[in-house]
Amino acid sequence: MEPLTENQLVQLRQALDARLAQLEEQLAAELVTDGLPVQEVETSPADKATNRLLNDLAIEAREHLTAQMTAVRKALAKFDDGSYGLCEQCGNDIGFARLLARPEAGLCITCQARLEKR
């Protein structure tokens, strides 16, 4: 594969910046609700279980948002050190099509497939 062109790098950086802004906006909206979506009140045991499940799902969603933000920030940091677009395992170029689909990707498609088979 060929190294990324300057235009491709600009396009990918803009996509990452936009994605980070979107994730930050989502997280801010989640935090505005101030706490858990369902307040624990005295109810039947079945209702308590449902409330706990809903709250656990909300917490998991926030954790997922935070993990996505971390991945995007890591990709943006790679622009600064010049390693963006290089596979973290083998060091080969990550294809533009893959980065266009997942700008935060840190592995080439071959290494990613190998990791998923494990």
PDB file of N, CA and C in Angstrom:
ATOM      1  N   MET A   1       0.826  -1.172   0.000  1.00  0.00           N
ATOM      2  CA  MET A   1       0.000   0.000   0.000  1.00  0.00           C
ATOM      3  C   MET A   1       0.880   1.249   0.000  1.00  0.00           C
ATOM      4  N   GLU A   2       0.313   2.292  -0.495  1.00  0.00           N
ATOM      5  CA  GLU A   2       1.058   3.541  -0.572  1.00  0.00           C
ATOM      6  C   GLU A   2       0.788   4.403   0.650  1.00  0.00           C
ATOM      7  N   PRO A   3       1.777   5.224   1.021  1.00  0.00           N
ATOM      8  CA  PRO A   3       1.546   6.153   2.137  1.00  0.00           C
ATOM      9  C   PRO A   3       0.423   7.130   1.795  1.00  0.00           C
ATOM     10  N   LEU A   4      -0.170   7.672   2.818  1.00  0.00           N
ATOM     11  CA  LEU A   4      -1.271   8.614   2.628  1.00  0.00           C
ATOM     12  C   LEU A   4      -0.756   9.926   2.047  1.00  0.00           C
ATOM     13  N   THR A   5      -1.553  10.521   1.160  1.00  0.00           N
ATOM     14  CA  THR A   5      -1.197  11.814   0.602  1.00  0.00           C
ATOM     15  C   THR A   5      -1.568  12.909   1.598  1.00  0.00           C
ATOM     16  N   GLU A   6      -1.072  14.092   1.358  1.00  0.00           N
ATOM     17  CA  GLU A   6      -1.387  15.230   2.233  1.00  0.00           C
ATOM     18  C   GLU A   6      -2.894  15.500   2.262  1.00  0.00           C
ATOM     19  N   ASN A   7      -3.543  15.430   1.097  1.00  0.00           N
ATOM     20  CA  ASN A   7      -4.994  15.649   1.030  1.00  0.00           C
ATOM     21  C   ASN A   7      -5.759  14.588   1.814  1.00  0.00           C
ATOM     22  N   GLN A   8      -5.309  13.346   1.721  1.00  0.00           N
ATOM     23  CA  GLN A   8      -5.955  12.271   2.464  1.00  0.00           C
ATOM     24  C   GLN A   8      -5.788  12.484   3.970  1.00  0.00           C
ATOM     25  N   LEU A   9      -4.596  12.900   4.388  1.00  0.00           N
ATOM     26  CA  LEU A   9      -4.360  13.162   5.809  1.00  0.00           C
ATOM     27  C   LEU A   9      -5.267  14.281   6.318  1.00  0.00           C
ATOM     28  N   VAL A  10      -5.411  15.334   5.523  1.00  0.00           N
ATOM     29  CA  VAL A  10      -6.290  16.440   5.915  1.00  0.00           C
ATOM     30  C   VAL A  10      -7.725  15.945   6.055  1.00  0.00           C
ATOM     31  N   GLN A  11      -8.171  15.167   5.089  1.00  0.00           N
ATOM     32  CA  GLN A  11      -9.537  14.634   5.111  1.00  0.00           C
ATOM     33  C   GLN A  11      -9.767  13.758   6.345  1.00  0.00           C
ATOM     34  N   LEU A  12      -8.803  12.909   6.658  1.00  0.00           N
ATOM     35  CA  LEU A  12      -8.945  12.008   7.797  1.00  0.00           C
ATOM     36  C   LEU A  12      -8.882  12.769   9.120  1.00  0.00           C
ATOM     37  N   ARG A  13      -8.027  13.767   9.193  1.00  0.00           N
ATOM     38  CA  ARG A  13      -7.944  14.565  10.421  1.00  0.00           C
ATOM     39  C   ARG A  13      -9.264  15.305  10.657  1.00  0.00           C
ATOM     40  N   GLN A  14      -9.856  15.839   9.596  1.00  0.00           N
ATOM     41  CA  GLN A  14     -11.146  16.520   9.732  1.00  0.00           C
ATOM     42  C   GLN A  14     -12.226  15.546  10.200  1.00  0.00           C
ATOM     43  N   ALA A  15     -12.189  14.317   9.681  1.00  0.00           N
ATOM     44  CA  ALA A  15     -13.162  13.300  10.099  1.00  0.00           C
ATOM     45  C   ALA A  15     -12.982  12.970  11.582  1.00  0.00           C
ATOM     46  N   LEU A  16     -11.736  12.859  12.032  1.00  0.00           N
ATOM     47  CA  LEU A  16     -11.476  12.569  13.442  1.00  0.00           C
ATOM     48  C   LEU A  16     -11.892  13.736  14.341  1.00  0.00           C
ATOM     49  N   ASP A  17     -11.583  14.953  13.916  1.00  0.00           N
ATOM     50  CA  ASP A  17     -11.997  16.130  14.694  1.00  0.00           C
ATOM     51  C   ASP A  17     -13.518  16.191  14.821  1.00  0.00           C
ATOM     52  N   ALA A  18     -14.214  15.923  13.719  1.00  0.00           N
ATOM     53  CA  ALA A  18     -15.675  15.945  13.729  1.00  0.00           C
ATOM     54  C   ALA A  18     -16.226  14.842  14.627  1.00  0.00           C
ATOM     55  N   ARG A  19     -15.622  13.667  14.563  1.00  0.00           N
ATOM     56  CA  ARG A  19     -16.075  12.540  15.391  1.00  0.00           C
ATOM     57  C   ARG A  19     -15.868  12.840  16.868  1.00  0.00           C
ATOM     58  N   LEU A  20     -14.714  13.436  17.212  1.00  0.00           N
ATOM     59  CA  LEU A  20     -14.449  13.774  18.600  1.00  0.00           C
ATOM     60  C   LEU A  20     -15.462  14.801  19.106  1.00  0.00           C
ATOM     61  N   ALA A  21     -15.760  15.805  18.303  1.00  0.00           N
ATOM     62  CA  ALA A  21     -16.748  16.810  18.687  1.00  0.00           C
ATOM     63  C   ALA A  21     -18.115  16.167  18.910  1.00  0.00           C
ATOM     64  N   GLN A  22     -18.475  15.233  18.033  1.00  0.00           N
ATOM     65  CA  GLN A  22     -19.761  14.537  18.158  1.00  0.00           C
ATOM     66  C   GLN A  22     -19.810  13.711  19.446  1.00  0.00           C
ATOM     67  N   LEU A  23     -18.728  12.994  19.740  1.00  0.00           N
ATOM     68  CA  LEU A  23     -18.684  12.173  20.950  1.00  0.00           C
ATOM     69  C   LEU A  23     -18.728  13.039  22.206  1.00  0.00           C
ATOM     70  N   GLU A  24     -18.005  14.157  22.185  1.00  0.00           N
ATOM     71  CA  GLU A  24     -18.021  15.057  23.335  1.00  0.00           C
ATOM     72  C   GLU A  24     -19.421  15.627  23.559  1.00  0.00           C
ATOM     73  N   GLU A  25     -20.097  15.940  22.475  1.00  0.00           N
ATOM     74  CA  GLU A  25     -21.466  16.451  22.570  1.00  0.00           C
ATOM     75  C   GLU A  25     -22.400  15.388  23.152  1.00  0.00           C
ATOM     76  N   GLN A  26     -22.253  14.151  22.691  1.00  0.00           N
ATOM     77  CA  GLN A  26     -23.081  13.060  23.218  1.00  0.00           C
ATOM     78  C   GLN A  26     -22.838  12.859  24.707  1.00  0.00           C
ATOM     79  N   LEU A  27     -21.562  12.853  25.092  1.00  0.00           N
ATOM     80  CA  LEU A  27     -21.232  12.637  26.502  1.00  0.00           C
ATOM     81  C   LEU A  27     -21.761  13.785  27.355  1.00  0.00           C
ATOM     82  N   ALA A  28     -21.632  15.011  26.863  1.00  0.00           N
ATOM     83  CA  ALA A  28     -22.157  16.169  27.603  1.00  0.00           C
ATOM     84  C   ALA A  28     -23.669  16.042  27.779  1.00  0.00           C
ATOM     85  N   ALA A  29     -24.368  15.591  26.741  1.00  0.00           N
ATOM     86  CA  ALA A  29     -25.819  15.403  26.836  1.00  0.00           C
ATOM     87  C   ALA A  29     -26.158  14.320  27.850  1.00  0.00           C
ATOM     88  N   GLU A  30     -25.354  13.280  27.889  1.00  0.00           N
ATOM     89  CA  GLU A  30     -25.577  12.207  28.864  1.00  0.00           C
ATOM     90  C   GLU A  30     -25.377  12.719  30.285  1.00  0.00           C
ATOM     91  N   LEU A  31     -24.374  13.551  30.475  1.00  0.00           N
ATOM     92  CA  LEU A  31     -24.059  14.033  31.813  1.00  0.00           C
ATOM     93  C   LEU A  31     -25.040  15.093  32.294  1.00  0.00           C
ATOM     94  N   VAL A  32     -25.738  15.751  31.358  1.00  0.00           N
ATOM     95  CA  VAL A  32     -26.730  16.751  31.728  1.00  0.00           C
ATOM     96  C   VAL A  32     -27.858  16.110  32.526  1.00  0.00           C
ATOM     97  N   THR A  33     -28.131  14.850  32.223  1.00  0.00           N
ATOM     98  CA  THR A  33     -29.199  14.158  32.952  1.00  0.00           C
ATOM     99  C   THR A  33     -28.848  13.979  34.419  1.00  0.00           C
ATOM    100  N   ASP A  34     -27.561  14.238  34.746  1.00  0.00           N
ATOM    101  CA  ASP A  34     -27.097  14.246  36.128  1.00  0.00           C
ATOM    102  C   ASP A  34     -27.413  12.939  36.852  1.00  0.00           C
ATOM    103  N   GLY A  35     -26.634  11.968  36.572  1.00  0.00           N
ATOM    104  CA  GLY A  35     -26.782  10.714  37.287  1.00  0.00           C
ATOM    105  C   GLY A  35     -27.390   9.625  36.438  1.00  0.00           C
ATOM    106  N   LEU A  36     -28.087   8.762  37.076  1.00  0.00           N
ATOM    107  CA  LEU A  36     -28.652   7.599  36.422  1.00  0.00           C
ATOM    108  C   LEU A  36     -30.026   7.924  35.837  1.00  0.00           C
ATOM    109  N   PRO A  37     -30.378   7.260  34.740  1.00  0.00           N
ATOM    110  CA  PRO A  37     -31.645   7.574  34.090  1.00  0.00           C
ATOM    111  C   PRO A  37     -32.879   7.176  34.904  1.00  0.00           C
ATOM    112  N   VAL A  38     -32.739   6.154  35.718  1.00  0.00           N
ATOM    113  CA  VAL A  38     -33.883   5.702  36.515  1.00  0.00           C
ATOM    114  C   VAL A  38     -33.488   5.785  37.984  1.00  0.00           C
ATOM    115  N   GLN A  39     -34.232   6.547  38.729  1.00  0.00           N
ATOM    116  CA  GLN A  39     -33.947   6.700  40.149  1.00  0.00           C
ATOM    117  C   GLN A  39     -34.484   5.494  40.915  1.00  0.00           C
ATOM    118  N   GLU A  40     -33.700   5.071  41.880  1.00  0.00           N
ATOM    119  CA  GLU A  40     -34.107   3.953  42.734  1.00  0.00           C
ATOM    120  C   GLU A  40     -35.155   4.450  43.733  1.00  0.00           C
ATOM    121  N   VAL A  41     -36.310   3.871  43.669  1.00  0.00           N
ATOM    122  CA  VAL A  41     -37.367   4.183  44.630  1.00  0.00           C
ATOM    123  C   VAL A  41     -37.930   2.864  45.136  1.00  0.00           C
ATOM    124  N   GLU A  42     -38.691   2.943  46.171  1.00  0.00           N
ATOM    125  CA  GLU A  42     -39.274   1.714  46.705  1.00  0.00           C
ATOM    126  C   GLU A  42     -40.330   1.193  45.749  1.00  0.00           C
ATOM    127  N   THR A  43     -40.027   0.057  45.152  1.00  0.00           N
ATOM    128  CA  THR A  43     -40.942  -0.585  44.214  1.00  0.00           C
ATOM    129  C   THR A  43     -40.857  -2.085  44.417  1.00  0.00           C
ATOM    130  N   SER A  44     -41.521  -2.792  43.561  1.00  0.00           N
ATOM    131  CA  SER A  44     -41.489  -4.252  43.647  1.00  0.00           C
ATOM    132  C   SER A  44     -40.099  -4.744  43.249  1.00  0.00           C
ATOM    133  N   PRO A  45     -39.746  -5.968  43.658  1.00  0.00           N
ATOM    134  CA  PRO A  45     -38.445  -6.522  43.290  1.00  0.00           C
ATOM    135  C   PRO A  45     -38.220  -6.569  41.772  1.00  0.00           C
ATOM    136  N   ALA A  46     -39.263  -6.848  41.021  1.00  0.00           N
ATOM    137  CA  ALA A  46     -39.121  -6.888  39.563  1.00  0.00           C
ATOM    138  C   ALA A  46     -38.805  -5.500  39.009  1.00  0.00           C
ATOM    139  N   ASP A  47     -39.478  -4.482  39.552  1.00  0.00           N
ATOM    140  CA  ASP A  47     -39.203  -3.110  39.115  1.00  0.00           C
ATOM    141  C   ASP A  47     -37.783  -2.688  39.488  1.00  0.00           C
ATOM    142  N   LYS A  48     -37.327  -3.094  40.656  1.00  0.00           N
ATOM    143  CA  LYS A  48     -35.961  -2.768  41.084  1.00  0.00           C
ATOM    144  C   LYS A  48     -34.949  -3.397  40.133  1.00  0.00           C
ATOM    145  N   ALA A  49     -35.199  -4.624  39.739  1.00  0.00           N
ATOM    146  CA  ALA A  49     -34.286  -5.310  38.820  1.00  0.00           C
ATOM    147  C   ALA A  49     -34.256  -4.597  37.468  1.00  0.00           C
ATOM    148  N   THR A  50     -35.410  -4.190  37.003  1.00  0.00           N
ATOM    149  CA  THR A  50     -35.487  -3.454  35.737  1.00  0.00           C
ATOM    150  C   THR A  50     -34.755  -2.126  35.844  1.00  0.00           C
ATOM    151  N   ASN A  51     -34.960  -1.411  36.951  1.00  0.00           N
ATOM    152  CA  ASN A  51     -34.282  -0.135  37.167  1.00  0.00           C
ATOM    153  C   ASN A  51     -32.764  -0.312  37.177  1.00  0.00           C
ATOM    154  N   ARG A  52     -32.302  -1.341  37.874  1.00  0.00           N
ATOM    155  CA  ARG A  52     -30.860  -1.603  37.922  1.00  0.00           C
ATOM    156  C   ARG A  52     -30.314  -1.920  36.538  1.00  0.00           C
ATOM    157  N   LEU A  53     -31.065  -2.716  35.773  1.00  0.00           N
ATOM    158  CA  LEU A  53     -30.636  -3.068  34.423  1.00  0.00           C
ATOM    159  C   LEU A  53     -30.540  -1.816  33.547  1.00  0.00           C
ATOM    160  N   LEU A  54     -31.537  -0.960  33.606  1.00  0.00           N
ATOM    161  CA  LEU A  54     -31.527   0.280  32.812  1.00  0.00           C
ATOM    162  C   LEU A  54     -30.357   1.179  33.216  1.00  0.00           C
ATOM    163  N   ASN A  55     -30.107   1.276  34.498  1.00  0.00           N
ATOM    164  CA  ASN A  55     -28.990   2.089  34.973  1.00  0.00           C
ATOM    165  C   ASN A  55     -27.647   1.489  34.554  1.00  0.00           C
ATOM    166  N   ASP A  56     -27.527   0.174  34.629  1.00  0.00           N
ATOM    167  CA  ASP A  56     -26.300  -0.490  34.197  1.00  0.00           C
ATOM    168  C   ASP A  56     -26.051  -0.275  32.704  1.00  0.00           C
ATOM    169  N   LEU A  57     -27.113  -0.338  31.914  1.00  0.00           N
ATOM    170  CA  LEU A  57     -26.977  -0.095  30.475  1.00  0.00           C
ATOM    171  C   LEU A  57     -26.543   1.343  30.191  1.00  0.00           C
ATOM    172  N   ALA A  58     -27.064   2.287  30.954  1.00  0.00           N
ATOM    173  CA  ALA A  58     -26.676   3.692  30.779  1.00  0.00           C
ATOM    174  C   ALA A  58     -25.204   3.889  31.134  1.00  0.00           C
ATOM    175  N   ILE A  59     -24.755   3.260  32.188  1.00  0.00           N
ATOM    176  CA  ILE A  59     -23.350   3.353  32.593  1.00  0.00           C
ATOM    177  C   ILE A  59     -22.465   2.735  31.521  1.00  0.00           C
ATOM    178  N   GLU A  60     -22.874   1.594  31.004  1.00  0.00           N
ATOM    179  CA  GLU A  60     -22.107   0.917  29.950  1.00  0.00           C
ATOM    180  C   GLU A  60     -22.030   1.781  28.698  1.00  0.00           C
ATOM    181  N   ALA A  61     -23.113   2.457  28.353  1.00  0.00           N
ATOM    182  CA  ALA A  61     -23.117   3.336  27.185  1.00  0.00           C
ATOM    183  C   ALA A  61     -22.144   4.493  27.371  1.00  0.00           C
ATOM    184  N   ARG A  62     -22.106   5.060  28.568  1.00  0.00           N
ATOM    185  CA  ARG A  62     -21.144   6.143  28.844  1.00  0.00           C
ATOM    186  C   ARG A  62     -19.716   5.640  28.749  1.00  0.00           C
ATOM    187  N   GLU A  63     -19.467   4.444  29.269  1.00  0.00           N
ATOM    188  CA  GLU A  63     -18.124   3.870  29.191  1.00  0.00           C
ATOM    189  C   GLU A  63     -17.718   3.641  27.739  1.00  0.00           C
ATOM    190  N   HIS A  64     -18.669   3.218  26.916  1.00  0.00           N
ATOM    191  CA  HIS A  64     -18.398   3.003  25.496  1.00  0.00           C
ATOM    192  C   HIS A  64     -18.062   4.335  24.814  1.00  0.00           C
ATOM    193  N   LEU A  65     -18.815   5.374  25.121  1.00  0.00           N
ATOM    194  CA  LEU A  65     -18.520   6.706  24.578  1.00  0.00           C
ATOM    195  C   LEU A  65     -17.124   7.161  24.976  1.00  0.00           C
ATOM    196  N   THR A  66     -16.782   6.948  26.233  1.00  0.00           N
ATOM    197  CA  THR A  66     -15.465   7.347  26.722  1.00  0.00           C
ATOM    198  C   THR A  66     -14.362   6.562  26.019  1.00  0.00           C
ATOM    199  N   ALA A  67     -14.570   5.276  25.804  1.00  0.00           N
ATOM    200  CA  ALA A  67     -13.581   4.457  25.100  1.00  0.00           C
ATOM    201  C   ALA A  67     -13.412   4.927  23.653  1.00  0.00           C
ATOM    202  N   GLN A  68     -14.518   5.276  23.006  1.00  0.00           N
ATOM    203  CA  GLN A  68     -14.437   5.790  21.642  1.00  0.00           C
ATOM    204  C   GLN A  68     -13.667   7.103  21.601  1.00  0.00           C
ATOM    205  N   MET A  69     -13.928   7.974  22.562  1.00  0.00           N
ATOM    206  CA  MET A  69     -13.213   9.246  22.626  1.00  0.00           C
ATOM    207  C   MET A  69     -11.714   9.023  22.820  1.00  0.00           C
ATOM    208  N   THR A  70     -11.355   8.061  23.644  1.00  0.00           N
ATOM    209  CA  THR A  70      -9.949   7.741  23.868  1.00  0.00           C
ATOM    210  C   THR A  70      -9.290   7.273  22.575  1.00  0.00           C
ATOM    211  N   ALA A  71      -9.976   6.420  21.820  1.00  0.00           N
ATOM    212  CA  ALA A  71      -9.432   5.921  20.555  1.00  0.00           C
ATOM    213  C   ALA A  71      -9.244   7.049  19.544  1.00  0.00           C
ATOM    214  N   VAL A  72     -10.204   7.959  19.483  1.00  0.00           N
ATOM    215  CA  VAL A  72     -10.107   9.082  18.546  1.00  0.00           C
ATOM    216  C   VAL A  72      -8.975  10.010  18.961  1.00  0.00           C
ATOM    217  N   ARG A  73      -8.856  10.293  20.252  1.00  0.00           N
ATOM    218  CA  ARG A  73      -7.765  11.150  20.730  1.00  0.00           C
ATOM    219  C   ARG A  73      -6.396  10.515  20.460  1.00  0.00           C
ATOM    220  N   LYS A  74      -6.318   9.202  20.613  1.00  0.00           N
ATOM    221  CA  LYS A  74      -5.069   8.490  20.334  1.00  0.00           C
ATOM    222  C   LYS A  74      -4.709   8.637  18.856  1.00  0.00           C
ATOM    223  N   ALA A  75      -5.702   8.500  17.982  1.00  0.00           N
ATOM    224  CA  ALA A  75      -5.457   8.651  16.545  1.00  0.00           C
ATOM    225  C   ALA A  75      -5.015  10.076  16.220  1.00  0.00           C
ATOM    226  N   LEU A  76      -5.650  11.059  16.840  1.00  0.00           N
ATOM    227  CA  LEU A  76      -5.264  12.454  16.612  1.00  0.00           C
ATOM    228  C   LEU A  76      -3.838  12.724  17.097  1.00  0.00           C
ATOM    229  N   ALA A  77      -3.436  12.101  18.194  1.00  0.00           N
ATOM    230  CA  ALA A  77      -2.077  12.272  18.708  1.00  0.00           C
ATOM    231  C   ALA A  77      -1.042  11.711  17.737  1.00  0.00           C
ATOM    232  N   LYS A  78      -1.435  10.702  16.972  1.00  0.00           N
ATOM    233  CA  LYS A  78      -0.508  10.109  16.002  1.00  0.00           C
ATOM    234  C   LYS A  78      -0.163  11.076  14.870  1.00  0.00           C
ATOM    235  N   PHE A  79      -1.050  12.038  14.609  1.00  0.00           N
ATOM    236  CA  PHE A  79      -0.738  13.053  13.612  1.00  0.00           C
ATOM    237  C   PHE A  79       0.479  13.858  14.063  1.00  0.00           C
ATOM    238  N   ASP A  80       0.543  14.131  15.363  1.00  0.00           N
ATOM    239  CA  ASP A  80       1.627  14.949  15.912  1.00  0.00           C
ATOM    240  C   ASP A  80       2.977  14.248  15.842  1.00  0.00           C
ATOM    241  N   ASP A  81       2.990  12.936  16.065  1.00  0.00           N
ATOM    242  CA  ASP A  81       4.278  12.233  16.025  1.00  0.00           C
ATOM    243  C   ASP A  81       4.574  11.581  14.674  1.00  0.00           C
ATOM    244  N   GLY A  82       3.679  11.780  13.719  1.00  0.00           N
ATOM    245  CA  GLY A  82       3.924  11.284  12.363  1.00  0.00           C
ATOM    246  C   GLY A  82       3.644   9.813  12.142  1.00  0.00           C
ATOM    247  N   SER A  83       3.009   9.168  13.108  1.00  0.00           N
ATOM    248  CA  SER A  83       2.759   7.730  12.961  1.00  0.00           C
ATOM    249  C   SER A  83       1.341   7.408  12.514  1.00  0.00           C
ATOM    250  N   TYR A  84       0.526   8.441  12.224  1.00  0.00           N
ATOM    251  CA  TYR A  84      -0.843   8.165  11.790  1.00  0.00           C
ATOM    252  C   TYR A  84      -0.818   7.443  10.446  1.00  0.00           C
ATOM    253  N   GLY A  85      -1.626   6.409  10.338  1.00  0.00           N
ATOM    254  CA  GLY A  85      -1.715   5.650   9.097  1.00  0.00           C
ATOM    255  C   GLY A  85      -0.776   4.456   9.044  1.00  0.00           C
ATOM    256  N   LEU A  86      -0.006   4.248  10.123  1.00  0.00           N
ATOM    257  CA  LEU A  86       0.885   3.091  10.194  1.00  0.00           C
ATOM    258  C   LEU A  86       0.329   2.083  11.188  1.00  0.00           C
ATOM    259  N   CYS A  87       0.378   0.824  10.817  1.00  0.00           N
ATOM    260  CA  CYS A  87      -0.113  -0.250  11.678  1.00  0.00           C
ATOM    261  C   CYS A  87       0.723  -0.328  12.956  1.00  0.00           C
ATOM    262  N   GLU A  88       0.056  -0.440  14.085  1.00  0.00           N
ATOM    263  CA  GLU A  88       0.732  -0.514  15.375  1.00  0.00           C
ATOM    264  C   GLU A  88       1.460  -1.830  15.588  1.00  0.00           C
ATOM    265  N   GLN A  89       1.107  -2.859  14.810  1.00  0.00           N
ATOM    266  CA  GLN A  89       1.758  -4.157  14.992  1.00  0.00           C
ATOM    267  C   GLN A  89       2.879  -4.396  13.985  1.00  0.00           C
ATOM    268  N   CYS A  90       2.556  -4.244  12.709  1.00  0.00           N
ATOM    269  CA  CYS A  90       3.551  -4.591  11.692  1.00  0.00           C
ATOM    270  C   CYS A  90       4.277  -3.382  11.112  1.00  0.00           C
ATOM    271  N   GLY A  91       3.740  -2.184  11.331  1.00  0.00           N
ATOM    272  CA  GLY A  91       4.378  -0.973  10.837  1.00  0.00           C
ATOM    273  C   GLY A  91       4.082  -0.637   9.389  1.00  0.00           C
ATOM    274  N   ASN A  92       3.301  -1.479   8.717  1.00  0.00           N
ATOM    275  CA  ASN A  92       2.936  -1.197   7.334  1.00  0.00           C
ATOM    276  C   ASN A  92       1.872  -0.107   7.276  1.00  0.00           C
ATOM    277  N   ASP A  93       1.701   0.444   6.077  1.00  0.00           N
ATOM    278  CA  ASP A  93       0.669   1.464   5.885  1.00  0.00           C
ATOM    279  C   ASP A  93      -0.712   0.837   6.020  1.00  0.00           C
ATOM    280  N   ILE A  94      -1.606   1.577   6.673  1.00  0.00           N
ATOM    281  CA  ILE A  94      -3.009   1.185   6.728  1.00  0.00           C
ATOM    282  C   ILE A  94      -3.661   1.814   5.510  1.00  0.00           C
ATOM    283  N   GLY A  95      -4.430   1.075   4.786  1.00  0.00           N
ATOM    284  CA  GLY A  95      -5.041   1.568   3.558  1.00  0.00           C
ATOM    285  C   GLY A  95      -5.986   2.737   3.788  1.00  0.00           C
ATOM    286  N   PHE A  96      -6.034   3.636   2.815  1.00  0.00           N
ATOM    287  CA  PHE A  96      -6.896   4.810   2.913  1.00  0.00           C
ATOM    288  C   PHE A  96      -8.360   4.406   3.049  1.00  0.00           C
ATOM    289  N   ALA A  97      -8.782   3.393   2.320  1.00  0.00           N
ATOM    290  CA  ALA A  97     -10.183   2.966   2.389  1.00  0.00           C
ATOM    291  C   ALA A  97     -10.541   2.527   3.810  1.00  0.00           C
ATOM    292  N   ARG A  98      -9.650   1.805   4.471  1.00  0.00           N
ATOM    293  CA  ARG A  98      -9.901   1.372   5.855  1.00  0.00           C
ATOM    294  C   ARG A  98      -9.962   2.583   6.785  1.00  0.00           C
ATOM    295  N   LEU A  99      -9.033   3.514   6.621  1.00  0.00           N
ATOM    296  CA  LEU A  99      -9.019   4.697   7.475  1.00  0.00           C
ATOM    297  C   LEU A  99     -10.213   5.598   7.210  1.00  0.00           C
ATOM    298  N   LEU A 100     -10.673   5.604   5.985  1.00  0.00           N
ATOM    299  CA  LEU A 100     -11.857   6.397   5.661  1.00  0.00           C
ATOM    300  C   LEU A 100     -13.079   5.818   6.383  1.00  0.00           C
ATOM    301  N   ALA A 101     -13.142   4.500   6.455  1.00  0.00           N
ATOM    302  CA  ALA A 101     -14.247   3.832   7.147  1.00  0.00           C
ATOM    303  C   ALA A 101     -14.098   3.932   8.664  1.00  0.00           C
ATOM    304  N   ARG A 102     -12.864   3.796   9.147  1.00  0.00           N
ATOM    305  CA  ARG A 102     -12.569   3.851  10.589  1.00  0.00           C
ATOM    306  C   ARG A 102     -11.315   4.679  10.792  1.00  0.00           C
ATOM    307  N   PRO A 103     -11.445   5.999  10.825  1.00  0.00           N
ATOM    308  CA  PRO A 103     -10.263   6.857  10.928  1.00  0.00           C
ATOM    309  C   PRO A 103      -9.418   6.611  12.177  1.00  0.00           C
ATOM    310  N   GLU A 104     -10.008   6.013  13.200  1.00  0.00           N
ATOM    311  CA  GLU A 104      -9.263   5.745  14.426  1.00  0.00           C
ATOM    312  C   GLU A 104      -8.561   4.387  14.410  1.00  0.00           C
ATOM    313  N   ALA A 105      -8.650   3.660  13.308  1.00  0.00           N
ATOM    314  CA  ALA A 105      -8.047   2.328  13.217  1.00  0.00           C
ATOM    315  C   ALA A 105      -6.544   2.397  13.465  1.00  0.00           C
ATOM    316  N   GLY A 106      -6.050   1.496  14.288  1.00  0.00           N
ATOM    317  CA  GLY A 106      -4.625   1.446  14.592  1.00  0.00           C
ATOM    318  C   GLY A 106      -3.934   0.260  13.974  1.00  0.00           C
ATOM    319  N   LEU A 107      -4.714  -0.633  13.377  1.00  0.00           N
ATOM    320  CA  LEU A 107      -4.144  -1.837  12.777  1.00  0.00           C
ATOM    321  C   LEU A 107      -4.538  -1.932  11.309  1.00  0.00           C
ATOM    322  N   CYS A 108      -3.640  -2.466  10.507  1.00  0.00           N
ATOM    323  CA  CYS A 108      -3.990  -2.734   9.112  1.00  0.00           C
ATOM    324  C   CYS A 108      -5.009  -3.876   9.093  1.00  0.00           C
ATOM    325  N   ILE A 109      -5.624  -4.080   7.974  1.00  0.00           N
ATOM    326  CA  ILE A 109      -6.691  -5.085   7.896  1.00  0.00           C
ATOM    327  C   ILE A 109      -6.161  -6.494   8.169  1.00  0.00           C
ATOM    328  N   THR A 110      -4.932  -6.771   7.757  1.00  0.00           N
ATOM    329  CA  THR A 110      -4.342  -8.091   7.982  1.00  0.00           C
ATOM    330  C   THR A 110      -4.132  -8.348   9.474  1.00  0.00           C
ATOM    331  N   CYS A 111      -3.538  -7.389  10.177  1.00  0.00           N
ATOM    332  CA  CYS A 111      -3.301  -7.545  11.615  1.00  0.00           C
ATOM    333  C   CYS A 111      -4.613  -7.562  12.394  1.00  0.00           C
ATOM    334  N   GLN A 112      -5.584  -6.752  11.959  1.00  0.00           N
ATOM    335  CA  GLN A 112      -6.881  -6.747  12.622  1.00  0.00           C
ATOM    336  C   GLN A 112      -7.574  -8.095  12.477  1.00  0.00           C
ATOM    337  N   ALA A 113      -7.529  -8.664  11.283  1.00  0.00           N
ATOM    338  CA  ALA A 113      -8.142  -9.973  11.057  1.00  0.00           C
ATOM    339  C   ALA A 113      -7.449 -11.035  11.900  1.00  0.00           C
ATOM    340  N   ARG A 114      -6.133 -10.961  11.984  1.00  0.00           N
ATOM    341  CA  ARG A 114      -5.371 -11.920  12.788  1.00  0.00           C
ATOM    342  C   ARG A 114      -5.764 -11.784  14.266  1.00  0.00           C
ATOM    343  N   LEU A 115      -5.928 -10.566  14.746  1.00  0.00           N
ATOM    344  CA  LEU A 115      -6.307 -10.326  16.142  1.00  0.00           C
ATOM    345  C   LEU A 115      -7.708 -10.876  16.419  1.00  0.00           C
ATOM    346  N   GLU A 116      -8.623 -10.697  15.493  1.00  0.00           N
ATOM    347  CA  GLU A 116      -9.991 -11.156  15.692  1.00  0.00           C
ATOM    348  C   GLU A 116     -10.109 -12.676  15.641  1.00  0.00           C
ATOM    349  N   LYS A 117      -9.183 -13.355  14.986  1.00  0.00           N
ATOM    350  CA  LYS A 117      -9.228 -14.823  14.932  1.00  0.00           C
ATOM    351  C   LYS A 117      -8.817 -15.437  16.253  1.00  0.00           C
ATOM    352  N   ARG A 118      -8.043 -14.708  17.059  1.00  0.00           N
ATOM    353  CA  ARG A 118      -7.563 -15.244  18.339  1.00  0.00           C
ATOM    354  C   ARG A 118      -8.660 -15.389  19.316  1.00  0.00           C
TER     355      ARG A 118
END
